[in-house]
Amino acid sequence: MDRAVDAANLGVSAAGDLSVWALFMHASLVVKIVMLGLLICSVMVWAIILDKFVTLRRINREATGFEDRFWSGGSLDDLYESDGAKPTNPMSAVFGAAMGEWRRSARIPGVDLVRGGVKERVDRAIGITITREMDRLRRWVIFLATVAPVAPFVGLFGTVWGIMHSFSSIAAEHNTNLSVVAPGISEALFATAIGLLTAIPAYVAYNVISNSMDLFQDRLEGFGTEFAAILSRQSEERT
């Protein structure tokens, strides 16, 4: 009879042990630590996801507004004073870096704007600014890339530990009744579930955010190339 399944006991234990709070409270200390760690990571993952989606939406909207002002045919000097001198978004920062370098070079007495290395300095200023702005935007994205593959294994560690704890209970009570085994296994599997719920959003968000940032970087580089060509033509016109 010790090895038989007691349906009544199984029903009672299943009903109680399947609640989230009971699964956490009845887990061993190690499994609790694993669960808490995964929950903290999950909160951070969703905070990063929300922040990056809001940021990407904002900078794309601001970039569109800046490009509209840039291509409106107004004075580049006026645009530099209003947007480039104190940039508030990556696109205006690229413009400000290039325009600022070109203006400083143009003020050098006797400088040859065509063959004086101005184009190389402007291109370098554009490249450095794009790299700096993209590094700032990609901050914390690496956390998503780290959590996505690691969280399931952390949850699996909690599962293995919980199952070991269940087997210890079986050995201690000399009883293989499911009412003894089920709670520990349920707690163990719950750790894996939390790991998956943490990893899946991190994996999906990392791919979506990385793709969006790559597209925005291409947009910055395209604008930088076009603006460098405009400055090059103006340099030739001045000589």
C-alpha atoms as a PDB file:
ATOM      1  CA  MET A   1       0.000   0.000   0.000  1.00  0.00           C
ATOM      2  CA  ASP A   2       2.960   2.351   0.546  1.00  0.00           C
ATOM      3  CA  ARG A   3       3.670   2.286  -3.187  1.00  0.00           C
ATOM      4  CA  ALA A   4       0.086   2.820  -4.276  1.00  0.00           C
ATOM      5  CA  VAL A   5      -1.182   6.142  -5.524  1.00  0.00           C
ATOM      6  CA  ASP A   6      -3.533   7.706  -3.029  1.00  0.00           C
ATOM      7  CA  ALA A   7      -5.931   9.648  -5.260  1.00  0.00           C
ATOM      8  CA  ALA A   8      -7.322  11.735  -2.410  1.00  0.00           C
ATOM      9  CA  ASN A   9      -3.906  12.811  -1.176  1.00  0.00           C
ATOM     10  CA  LEU A  10      -2.737  13.509  -4.717  1.00  0.00           C
ATOM     11  CA  GLY A  11      -5.704  15.773  -5.336  1.00  0.00           C
ATOM     12  CA  VAL A  12      -5.166  17.758  -2.156  1.00  0.00           C
ATOM     13  CA  SER A  13      -1.426  18.162  -2.678  1.00  0.00           C
ATOM     14  CA  ALA A  14      -1.807  19.081  -6.352  1.00  0.00           C
ATOM     15  CA  ALA A  15      -4.399  21.726  -5.589  1.00  0.00           C
ATOM     16  CA  GLY A  16      -2.222  23.322  -2.944  1.00  0.00           C
ATOM     17  CA  ASP A  17       1.189  22.933  -4.493  1.00  0.00           C
ATOM     18  CA  LEU A  18       0.239  24.320  -7.901  1.00  0.00           C
ATOM     19  CA  SER A  19      -0.379  27.830  -6.579  1.00  0.00           C
ATOM     20  CA  VAL A  20       2.539  30.131  -7.333  1.00  0.00           C
ATOM     21  CA  TRP A  21       3.012  31.262  -3.753  1.00  0.00           C
ATOM     22  CA  ALA A  22       2.899  27.709  -2.379  1.00  0.00           C
ATOM     23  CA  LEU A  23       5.390  26.495  -4.976  1.00  0.00           C
ATOM     24  CA  PHE A  24       7.780  29.247  -3.918  1.00  0.00           C
ATOM     25  CA  MET A  25       7.296  28.924  -0.176  1.00  0.00           C
ATOM     26  CA  HIS A  26       7.685  25.134  -0.115  1.00  0.00           C
ATOM     27  CA  ALA A  27      10.796  25.173  -2.293  1.00  0.00           C
ATOM     28  CA  SER A  28      14.216  24.586  -0.774  1.00  0.00           C
ATOM     29  CA  LEU A  29      16.490  27.550  -0.045  1.00  0.00           C
ATOM     30  CA  VAL A  30      18.621  27.013  -3.167  1.00  0.00           C
ATOM     31  CA  VAL A  31      15.558  26.831  -5.421  1.00  0.00           C
ATOM     32  CA  LYS A  32      14.149  29.963  -3.778  1.00  0.00           C
ATOM     33  CA  ILE A  33      17.379  31.825  -4.531  1.00  0.00           C
ATOM     34  CA  VAL A  34      17.229  30.634  -8.152  1.00  0.00           C
ATOM     35  CA  MET A  35      13.599  31.765  -8.469  1.00  0.00           C
ATOM     36  CA  LEU A  36      14.288  35.176  -6.925  1.00  0.00           C
ATOM     37  CA  GLY A  37      17.311  35.697  -9.164  1.00  0.00           C
ATOM     38  CA  LEU A  38      15.294  34.833 -12.258  1.00  0.00           C
ATOM     39  CA  LEU A  39      12.432  37.099 -11.178  1.00  0.00           C
ATOM     40  CA  ILE A  40      14.847  40.006 -10.697  1.00  0.00           C
ATOM     41  CA  CYS A  41      16.322  39.334 -14.144  1.00  0.00           C
ATOM     42  CA  SER A  42      12.818  39.201 -15.618  1.00  0.00           C
ATOM     43  CA  VAL A  43      11.961  42.610 -14.134  1.00  0.00           C
ATOM     44  CA  MET A  44      15.195  44.055 -15.535  1.00  0.00           C
ATOM     45  CA  VAL A  45      14.529  42.493 -18.939  1.00  0.00           C
ATOM     46  CA  TRP A  46      11.096  44.082 -19.197  1.00  0.00           C
ATOM     47  CA  ALA A  47      12.451  47.438 -17.955  1.00  0.00           C
ATOM     48  CA  ILE A  48      15.138  47.385 -20.665  1.00  0.00           C
ATOM     49  CA  ILE A  49      12.621  46.334 -23.320  1.00  0.00           C
ATOM     50  CA  LEU A  50      10.274  49.188 -22.417  1.00  0.00           C
ATOM     51  CA  ASP A  51      13.100  51.730 -22.260  1.00  0.00           C
ATOM     52  CA  LYS A  52      14.612  50.703 -25.608  1.00  0.00           C
ATOM     53  CA  PHE A  53      11.306  50.641 -27.468  1.00  0.00           C
ATOM     54  CA  VAL A  54      10.413  54.095 -26.144  1.00  0.00           C
ATOM     55  CA  THR A  55      13.908  55.397 -26.956  1.00  0.00           C
ATOM     56  CA  LEU A  56      13.928  53.969 -30.488  1.00  0.00           C
ATOM     57  CA  ARG A  57      10.525  55.435 -31.218  1.00  0.00           C
ATOM     58  CA  ARG A  58      11.630  58.830 -29.901  1.00  0.00           C
ATOM     59  CA  ILE A  59      14.945  59.061 -31.759  1.00  0.00           C
ATOM     60  CA  ASN A  60      13.389  57.966 -35.049  1.00  0.00           C
ATOM     61  CA  ARG A  61      10.690  60.622 -34.665  1.00  0.00           C
ATOM     62  CA  GLU A  62      13.303  63.261 -33.795  1.00  0.00           C
ATOM     63  CA  ALA A  63      15.529  62.167 -36.675  1.00  0.00           C
ATOM     64  CA  THR A  64      12.630  62.540 -39.103  1.00  0.00           C
ATOM     65  CA  GLY A  65      11.924  66.047 -37.791  1.00  0.00           C
ATOM     66  CA  PHE A  66      15.580  67.021 -38.074  1.00  0.00           C
ATOM     67  CA  GLU A  67      15.874  65.685 -41.632  1.00  0.00           C
ATOM     68  CA  ASP A  68      12.786  67.692 -42.597  1.00  0.00           C
ATOM     69  CA  ARG A  69      14.468  70.856 -41.310  1.00  0.00           C
ATOM     70  CA  PHE A  70      17.776  69.900 -42.924  1.00  0.00           C
ATOM     71  CA  TRP A  71      16.309  69.336 -46.390  1.00  0.00           C
ATOM     72  CA  SER A  72      13.981  72.347 -46.183  1.00  0.00           C
ATOM     73  CA  GLY A  73      16.597  74.509 -47.897  1.00  0.00           C
ATOM     74  CA  GLY A  74      17.378  76.740 -44.934  1.00  0.00           C
ATOM     75  CA  SER A  75      20.799  77.954 -43.866  1.00  0.00           C
ATOM     76  CA  LEU A  76      23.115  75.249 -42.535  1.00  0.00           C
ATOM     77  CA  ASP A  77      24.665  77.810 -40.179  1.00  0.00           C
ATOM     78  CA  ASP A  78      21.260  78.611 -38.694  1.00  0.00           C
ATOM     79  CA  LEU A  79      20.480  74.906 -38.362  1.00  0.00           C
ATOM     80  CA  TYR A  80      23.811  74.391 -36.632  1.00  0.00           C
ATOM     81  CA  GLU A  81      23.046  77.126 -34.113  1.00  0.00           C
ATOM     82  CA  SER A  82      19.575  75.749 -33.376  1.00  0.00           C
ATOM     83  CA  ASP A  83      20.249  71.996 -33.451  1.00  0.00           C
ATOM     84  CA  GLY A  84      23.896  71.115 -34.017  1.00  0.00           C
ATOM     85  CA  ALA A  85      25.623  73.186 -31.346  1.00  0.00           C
ATOM     86  CA  LYS A  86      23.707  71.458 -28.543  1.00  0.00           C
ATOM     87  CA  PRO A  87      22.314  68.266 -30.096  1.00  0.00           C
ATOM     88  CA  THR A  88      19.446  66.485 -28.395  1.00  0.00           C
ATOM     89  CA  ASN A  89      19.327  63.410 -30.635  1.00  0.00           C
ATOM     90  CA  PRO A  90      21.854  61.244 -32.541  1.00  0.00           C
ATOM     91  CA  MET A  91      21.022  62.681 -35.976  1.00  0.00           C
ATOM     92  CA  SER A  92      21.626  66.281 -34.923  1.00  0.00           C
ATOM     93  CA  ALA A  93      24.762  65.118 -33.077  1.00  0.00           C
ATOM     94  CA  VAL A  94      26.184  63.735 -36.344  1.00  0.00           C
ATOM     95  CA  PHE A  95      25.300  66.962 -38.115  1.00  0.00           C
ATOM     96  CA  GLY A  96      26.786  69.062 -35.325  1.00  0.00           C
ATOM     97  CA  ALA A  97      30.054  67.107 -35.254  1.00  0.00           C
ATOM     98  CA  ALA A  98      30.554  67.369 -39.028  1.00  0.00           C
ATOM     99  CA  MET A  99      29.457  70.983 -39.307  1.00  0.00           C
ATOM    100  CA  GLY A 100      31.522  72.017 -36.305  1.00  0.00           C
ATOM    101  CA  GLU A 101      34.670  70.409 -37.743  1.00  0.00           C
ATOM    102  CA  TRP A 102      34.080  72.002 -41.136  1.00  0.00           C
ATOM    103  CA  ARG A 103      33.511  75.458 -39.628  1.00  0.00           C
ATOM    104  CA  ARG A 104      36.648  75.221 -37.486  1.00  0.00           C
ATOM    105  CA  SER A 105      38.677  74.199 -40.516  1.00  0.00           C
ATOM    106  CA  ALA A 106      37.196  77.013 -42.635  1.00  0.00           C
ATOM    107  CA  ARG A 107      38.348  79.590 -40.063  1.00  0.00           C
ATOM    108  CA  ILE A 108      41.994  78.524 -40.360  1.00  0.00           C
ATOM    109  CA  PRO A 109      43.804  81.259 -42.358  1.00  0.00           C
ATOM    110  CA  GLY A 110      44.959  80.072 -45.779  1.00  0.00           C
ATOM    111  CA  VAL A 111      43.545  76.553 -45.404  1.00  0.00           C
ATOM    112  CA  ASP A 112      42.767  74.587 -48.569  1.00  0.00           C
ATOM    113  CA  LEU A 113      39.325  73.150 -47.895  1.00  0.00           C
ATOM    114  CA  VAL A 114      39.675  70.707 -50.789  1.00  0.00           C
ATOM    115  CA  ARG A 115      43.180  69.350 -50.256  1.00  0.00           C
ATOM    116  CA  GLY A 116      43.883  70.339 -46.665  1.00  0.00           C
ATOM    117  CA  GLY A 117      42.625  67.133 -45.060  1.00  0.00           C
ATOM    118  CA  VAL A 118      39.290  68.718 -44.165  1.00  0.00           C
ATOM    119  CA  LYS A 119      37.234  65.956 -45.765  1.00  0.00           C
ATOM    120  CA  GLU A 120      39.110  63.300 -43.800  1.00  0.00           C
ATOM    121  CA  ARG A 121      38.574  65.167 -40.532  1.00  0.00           C
ATOM    122  CA  VAL A 122      34.863  65.597 -41.253  1.00  0.00           C
ATOM    123  CA  ASP A 123      34.498  61.903 -42.110  1.00  0.00           C
ATOM    124  CA  ARG A 124      36.354  60.981 -38.931  1.00  0.00           C
ATOM    125  CA  ALA A 125      34.131  63.252 -36.844  1.00  0.00           C
ATOM    126  CA  ILE A 126      31.031  61.652 -38.374  1.00  0.00           C
ATOM    127  CA  GLY A 127      32.322  58.117 -37.780  1.00  0.00           C
ATOM    128  CA  ILE A 128      33.307  58.781 -34.178  1.00  0.00           C
ATOM    129  CA  THR A 129      29.982  60.438 -33.389  1.00  0.00           C
ATOM    130  CA  ILE A 130      27.962  57.591 -34.895  1.00  0.00           C
ATOM    131  CA  THR A 131      29.992  55.052 -32.913  1.00  0.00           C
ATOM    132  CA  ARG A 132      29.554  57.011 -29.675  1.00  0.00           C
ATOM    133  CA  GLU A 133      25.812  57.490 -30.169  1.00  0.00           C
ATOM    134  CA  MET A 134      25.212  53.837 -31.060  1.00  0.00           C
ATOM    135  CA  ASP A 135      27.260  52.656 -28.074  1.00  0.00           C
ATOM    136  CA  ARG A 136      25.064  54.800 -25.853  1.00  0.00           C
ATOM    137  CA  LEU A 137      21.893  53.423 -27.435  1.00  0.00           C
ATOM    138  CA  ARG A 138      23.083  49.822 -27.142  1.00  0.00           C
ATOM    139  CA  ARG A 139      23.786  50.152 -23.435  1.00  0.00           C
ATOM    140  CA  TRP A 140      22.092  47.309 -21.501  1.00  0.00           C
ATOM    141  CA  VAL A 141      21.139  45.482 -24.708  1.00  0.00           C
ATOM    142  CA  ILE A 142      23.979  43.051 -23.998  1.00  0.00           C
ATOM    143  CA  PHE A 143      22.095  42.151 -20.818  1.00  0.00           C
ATOM    144  CA  LEU A 144      19.263  40.785 -22.963  1.00  0.00           C
ATOM    145  CA  ALA A 145      21.750  38.785 -25.013  1.00  0.00           C
ATOM    146  CA  THR A 146      23.204  37.334 -21.810  1.00  0.00           C
ATOM    147  CA  VAL A 147      19.927  36.498 -20.079  1.00  0.00           C
ATOM    148  CA  ALA A 148      18.359  34.842 -23.139  1.00  0.00           C
ATOM    149  CA  PRO A 149      20.703  31.809 -23.248  1.00  0.00           C
ATOM    150  CA  VAL A 150      21.608  31.681 -19.543  1.00  0.00           C
ATOM    151  CA  ALA A 151      18.188  31.907 -17.840  1.00  0.00           C
ATOM    152  CA  PRO A 152      16.936  28.453 -18.985  1.00  0.00           C
ATOM    153  CA  PHE A 153      20.075  26.802 -17.625  1.00  0.00           C
ATOM    154  CA  VAL A 154      19.743  28.634 -14.314  1.00  0.00           C
ATOM    155  CA  GLY A 155      16.150  27.439 -14.121  1.00  0.00           C
ATOM    156  CA  LEU A 156      17.287  23.937 -15.032  1.00  0.00           C
ATOM    157  CA  PHE A 157      19.787  24.055 -12.188  1.00  0.00           C
ATOM    158  CA  GLY A 158      16.911  24.869  -9.834  1.00  0.00           C
ATOM    159  CA  THR A 159      14.938  21.973 -11.300  1.00  0.00           C
ATOM    160  CA  VAL A 160      17.776  19.496 -10.831  1.00  0.00           C
ATOM    161  CA  TRP A 161      18.314  20.671  -7.272  1.00  0.00           C
ATOM    162  CA  GLY A 162      14.602  20.407  -6.504  1.00  0.00           C
ATOM    163  CA  ILE A 163      14.390  16.874  -7.900  1.00  0.00           C
ATOM    164  CA  MET A 164      17.413  15.882  -5.830  1.00  0.00           C
ATOM    165  CA  HIS A 165      15.616  17.293  -2.802  1.00  0.00           C
ATOM    166  CA  SER A 166      12.536  15.216  -3.700  1.00  0.00           C
ATOM    167  CA  PHE A 167      14.575  12.043  -3.921  1.00  0.00           C
ATOM    168  CA  SER A 168      16.053  12.873  -0.530  1.00  0.00           C
ATOM    169  CA  SER A 169      12.512  13.080   0.845  1.00  0.00           C
ATOM    170  CA  ILE A 170      11.695   9.687  -0.651  1.00  0.00           C
ATOM    171  CA  ALA A 171      14.791   8.171   0.899  1.00  0.00           C
ATOM    172  CA  ALA A 172      14.068   9.745   4.278  1.00  0.00           C
ATOM    173  CA  GLU A 173      10.409   8.646   4.425  1.00  0.00           C
ATOM    174  CA  HIS A 174      10.834   5.354   2.569  1.00  0.00           C
ATOM    175  CA  ASN A 175       7.714   6.262   0.629  1.00  0.00           C
ATOM    176  CA  THR A 176       7.225   6.620  -3.131  1.00  0.00           C
ATOM    177  CA  ASN A 177       3.666   7.907  -2.845  1.00  0.00           C
ATOM    178  CA  LEU A 178       3.039  10.799  -5.252  1.00  0.00           C
ATOM    179  CA  SER A 179       1.885  12.944  -2.341  1.00  0.00           C
ATOM    180  CA  VAL A 180       5.519  12.851  -1.187  1.00  0.00           C
ATOM    181  CA  VAL A 181       7.197  13.219  -4.584  1.00  0.00           C
ATOM    182  CA  ALA A 182       4.852  15.610  -6.417  1.00  0.00           C
ATOM    183  CA  PRO A 183       5.384  18.793  -4.370  1.00  0.00           C
ATOM    184  CA  GLY A 184       9.162  18.765  -4.744  1.00  0.00           C
ATOM    185  CA  ILE A 185       8.996  17.992  -8.459  1.00  0.00           C
ATOM    186  CA  SER A 186       6.383  20.725  -8.991  1.00  0.00           C
ATOM    187  CA  GLU A 187       8.601  23.258  -7.224  1.00  0.00           C
ATOM    188  CA  ALA A 188      11.559  22.126  -9.291  1.00  0.00           C
ATOM    189  CA  LEU A 189       9.714  22.424 -12.593  1.00  0.00           C
ATOM    190  CA  PHE A 190       8.434  25.844 -11.557  1.00  0.00           C
ATOM    191  CA  ALA A 191      12.033  27.080 -11.528  1.00  0.00           C
ATOM    192  CA  THR A 192      12.454  25.967 -15.140  1.00  0.00           C
ATOM    193  CA  ALA A 193       9.181  27.693 -16.057  1.00  0.00           C
ATOM    194  CA  ILE A 194      10.438  30.976 -14.596  1.00  0.00           C
ATOM    195  CA  GLY A 195      13.696  30.554 -16.491  1.00  0.00           C
ATOM    196  CA  LEU A 196      11.829  30.135 -19.777  1.00  0.00           C
ATOM    197  CA  LEU A 197       9.511  33.062 -19.051  1.00  0.00           C
ATOM    198  CA  THR A 198      12.611  35.186 -18.489  1.00  0.00           C
ATOM    199  CA  ALA A 199      14.596  33.938 -21.477  1.00  0.00           C
ATOM    200  CA  ILE A 200      11.938  34.019 -24.206  1.00  0.00           C
ATOM    201  CA  PRO A 201      11.105  37.767 -23.973  1.00  0.00           C
ATOM    202  CA  ALA A 202      14.827  38.570 -23.668  1.00  0.00           C
ATOM    203  CA  TYR A 203      15.651  36.558 -26.807  1.00  0.00           C
ATOM    204  CA  VAL A 204      12.828  38.013 -28.903  1.00  0.00           C
ATOM    205  CA  ALA A 205      13.438  41.575 -27.712  1.00  0.00           C
ATOM    206  CA  TYR A 206      17.187  41.339 -28.324  1.00  0.00           C
ATOM    207  CA  ASN A 207      16.652  40.388 -31.957  1.00  0.00           C
ATOM    208  CA  VAL A 208      13.991  43.044 -32.535  1.00  0.00           C
ATOM    209  CA  ILE A 209      15.931  45.805 -30.773  1.00  0.00           C
ATOM    210  CA  SER A 210      19.237  44.881 -32.439  1.00  0.00           C
ATOM    211  CA  ASN A 211      17.613  44.934 -35.870  1.00  0.00           C
ATOM    212  CA  SER A 212      15.993  48.309 -35.168  1.00  0.00           C
ATOM    213  CA  MET A 213      19.305  49.755 -33.984  1.00  0.00           C
ATOM    214  CA  ASP A 214      21.128  48.413 -37.038  1.00  0.00           C
ATOM    215  CA  LEU A 215      18.548  50.132 -39.249  1.00  0.00           C
ATOM    216  CA  PHE A 216      18.955  53.376 -37.311  1.00  0.00           C
ATOM    217  CA  GLN A 217      22.738  53.147 -37.601  1.00  0.00           C
ATOM    218  CA  ASP A 218      22.373  52.714 -41.370  1.00  0.00           C
ATOM    219  CA  ARG A 219      20.178  55.806 -41.351  1.00  0.00           C
ATOM    220  CA  LEU A 220      22.836  57.806 -39.491  1.00  0.00           C
ATOM    221  CA  GLU A 221      25.582  56.603 -41.805  1.00  0.00           C
ATOM    222  CA  GLY A 222      23.510  57.448 -44.876  1.00  0.00           C
ATOM    223  CA  PHE A 223      22.856  60.953 -43.580  1.00  0.00           C
ATOM    224  CA  GLY A 224      26.526  61.382 -42.663  1.00  0.00           C
ATOM    225  CA  THR A 225      27.619  60.365 -46.169  1.00  0.00           C
ATOM    226  CA  GLU A 226      25.170  62.767 -47.813  1.00  0.00           C
ATOM    227  CA  PHE A 227      26.129  65.636 -45.531  1.00  0.00           C
ATOM    228  CA  ALA A 228      29.850  65.015 -46.070  1.00  0.00           C
ATOM    229  CA  ALA A 229      29.224  65.223 -49.829  1.00  0.00           C
ATOM    230  CA  ILE A 230      27.394  68.543 -49.364  1.00  0.00           C
ATOM    231  CA  LEU A 231      30.289  69.963 -47.343  1.00  0.00           C
ATOM    232  CA  SER A 232      32.733  68.712 -49.961  1.00  0.00           C
ATOM    233  CA  ARG A 233      30.841  70.566 -52.703  1.00  0.00           C
ATOM    234  CA  GLN A 234      30.746  73.738 -50.606  1.00  0.00           C
ATOM    235  CA  SER A 235      34.481  73.441 -50.044  1.00  0.00           C
ATOM    236  CA  GLU A 236      35.060  73.236 -53.792  1.00  0.00           C
ATOM    237  CA  GLU A 237      32.805  76.245 -54.384  1.00  0.00           C
ATOM    238  CA  ARG A 238      34.826  78.354 -51.948  1.00  0.00           C
ATOM    239  CA  THR A 239      38.132  77.639 -53.716  1.00  0.00           C
END
